[in-house]
C-alpha atoms as a PDB file:
ATOM      1  CA  MET A   1       4.033  11.593  39.657  1.00  0.00           C
ATOM      2  CA  ALA A   2       5.258  14.822  38.131  1.00  0.00           C
ATOM      3  CA  ARG A   3       2.420  14.863  35.620  1.00  0.00           C
ATOM      4  CA  GLY A   4      -0.201  14.505  38.359  1.00  0.00           C
ATOM      5  CA  HIS A   5       1.187  17.579  40.102  1.00  0.00           C
ATOM      6  CA  GLN A   6       1.287  19.539  36.835  1.00  0.00           C
ATOM      7  CA  LYS A   7      -2.304  18.557  36.160  1.00  0.00           C
ATOM      8  CA  ILE A   8      -3.449  19.913  39.518  1.00  0.00           C
ATOM      9  CA  GLN A   9      -1.537  23.155  38.974  1.00  0.00           C
ATOM     10  CA  SER A  10      -3.034  23.532  35.498  1.00  0.00           C
ATOM     11  CA  GLN A  11      -6.550  23.015  36.855  1.00  0.00           C
ATOM     12  CA  GLN A  12      -5.997  25.601  39.582  1.00  0.00           C
ATOM     13  CA  LYS A  13      -4.641  28.105  37.060  1.00  0.00           C
ATOM     14  CA  ALA A  14      -7.640  27.557  34.757  1.00  0.00           C
ATOM     15  CA  GLN A  15     -10.035  27.971  37.678  1.00  0.00           C
ATOM     16  CA  LYS A  16      -8.467  31.314  38.643  1.00  0.00           C
ATOM     17  CA  LYS A  17      -8.690  32.461  35.017  1.00  0.00           C
ATOM     18  CA  ASN A  18     -12.393  31.527  34.809  1.00  0.00           C
ATOM     19  CA  GLU A  19     -13.149  33.337  38.075  1.00  0.00           C
ATOM     20  CA  ALA A  20     -11.440  36.485  36.785  1.00  0.00           C
ATOM     21  CA  ALA A  21     -13.474  36.318  33.566  1.00  0.00           C
ATOM     22  CA  LYS A  22     -16.734  35.997  35.514  1.00  0.00           C
ATOM     23  CA  LYS A  23     -15.902  39.087  37.579  1.00  0.00           C
ATOM     24  CA  GLY A  24     -15.760  41.220  34.451  1.00  0.00           C
ATOM     25  CA  GLY A  25     -12.136  40.865  33.453  1.00  0.00           C
ATOM     26  CA  ALA A  26     -13.134  39.940  29.898  1.00  0.00           C
ATOM     27  CA  VAL A  27     -14.998  42.349  27.625  1.00  0.00           C
ATOM     28  CA  ASP A  28     -17.931  40.950  25.673  1.00  0.00           C
ATOM     29  CA  GLN A  29     -17.280  41.886  22.048  1.00  0.00           C
ATOM     30  CA  LYS A  30     -20.936  41.766  21.039  1.00  0.00           C
ATOM     31  CA  ILE A  31     -21.808  44.409  23.617  1.00  0.00           C
ATOM     32  CA  ALA A  32     -18.898  46.603  22.536  1.00  0.00           C
ATOM     33  CA  ALA A  33     -19.863  46.311  18.860  1.00  0.00           C
ATOM     34  CA  GLN A  34     -23.492  47.142  19.603  1.00  0.00           C
ATOM     35  CA  ALA A  35     -22.447  50.232  21.559  1.00  0.00           C
ATOM     36  CA  ALA A  36     -20.505  51.507  18.520  1.00  0.00           C
ATOM     37  CA  LEU A  37     -23.658  51.645  16.360  1.00  0.00           C
ATOM     38  CA  HIS A  38     -25.083  55.144  16.779  1.00  0.00           C
ATOM     39  CA  HIS A  39     -27.216  55.800  13.671  1.00  0.00           C
ATOM     40  CA  LYS A  40     -30.433  53.967  12.811  1.00  0.00           C
ATOM     41  CA  CYS A  41     -31.958  53.943   9.328  1.00  0.00           C
ATOM     42  CA  SER A  42     -35.408  55.490   9.391  1.00  0.00           C
ATOM     43  CA  VAL A  43     -36.719  53.079   6.737  1.00  0.00           C
ATOM     44  CA  CYS A  44     -35.348  49.620   7.579  1.00  0.00           C
ATOM     45  CA  MET A  45     -34.066  50.269  11.136  1.00  0.00           C
ATOM     46  CA  ALA A  46     -30.571  48.954  10.293  1.00  0.00           C
ATOM     47  CA  GLN A  47     -27.846  50.401  12.501  1.00  0.00           C
ATOM     48  CA  MET A  48     -24.677  52.099  11.250  1.00  0.00           C
ATOM     49  CA  PRO A  49     -21.587  53.399  13.073  1.00  0.00           C
ATOM     50  CA  ASP A  50     -21.259  56.799  11.348  1.00  0.00           C
ATOM     51  CA  PRO A  51     -23.200  59.245   9.131  1.00  0.00           C
ATOM     52  CA  LYS A  52     -21.061  58.535   6.058  1.00  0.00           C
ATOM     53  CA  THR A  53     -21.947  54.844   6.120  1.00  0.00           C
ATOM     54  CA  TYR A  54     -25.562  55.727   6.853  1.00  0.00           C
ATOM     55  CA  LYS A  55     -25.739  57.976   3.774  1.00  0.00           C
ATOM     56  CA  GLN A  56     -24.151  55.319   1.548  1.00  0.00           C
ATOM     57  CA  HIS A  57     -26.622  52.766   2.888  1.00  0.00           C
ATOM     58  CA  PHE A  58     -29.565  55.086   2.317  1.00  0.00           C
ATOM     59  CA  GLU A  59     -28.530  55.914  -1.262  1.00  0.00           C
ATOM     60  CA  SER A  60     -28.036  52.280  -2.241  1.00  0.00           C
ATOM     61  CA  LYS A  61     -30.894  50.586  -0.358  1.00  0.00           C
ATOM     62  CA  HIS A  62     -33.595  53.262  -0.429  1.00  0.00           C
ATOM     63  CA  PRO A  63     -33.105  55.336  -3.614  1.00  0.00           C
ATOM     64  CA  LYS A  64     -36.791  56.236  -3.950  1.00  0.00           C
ATOM     65  CA  ALA A  65     -37.208  57.366  -0.347  1.00  0.00           C
ATOM     66  CA  GLU A  66     -36.586  60.966   0.642  1.00  0.00           C
ATOM     67  CA  MET A  67     -33.180  61.586   2.249  1.00  0.00           C
ATOM     68  CA  PRO A  68     -33.382  62.379   5.987  1.00  0.00           C
ATOM     69  CA  ALA A  69     -32.441  65.943   6.932  1.00  0.00           C
ATOM     70  CA  GLU A  70     -29.395  64.865   8.963  1.00  0.00           C
ATOM     71  CA  LEU A  71     -27.823  63.240   5.860  1.00  0.00           C
ATOM     72  CA  VAL A  72     -28.221  66.099   3.388  1.00  0.00           C
ATOM     73  CA  ASN A  73     -24.915  67.808   4.270  1.00  0.00           C
ATOM     74  CA  VAL A  74     -22.878  64.627   4.863  1.00  0.00           C
ATOM     75  CA  VAL A  75     -20.071  64.056   2.333  1.00  0.00           C
ATOM     76  CA  ALA A  76     -19.993  60.410   1.287  1.00  0.00           C
END
């Protein structure tokens, strides 16, 4: 009957782990990734994490559009 006892212990351990995750012990990675995106393209509304990436995006995806004022001095 050793396996039956181990099974019960394993179930109890898993239940405690699930309860801790529900209380907020685990961080949702999608939420964290979304919070890291600070810059939004004025043309296509795509989100970028930093101005350098934003400028590279703007130059490659929207070459005919006028560069936004906040990207003029950014070194890419």
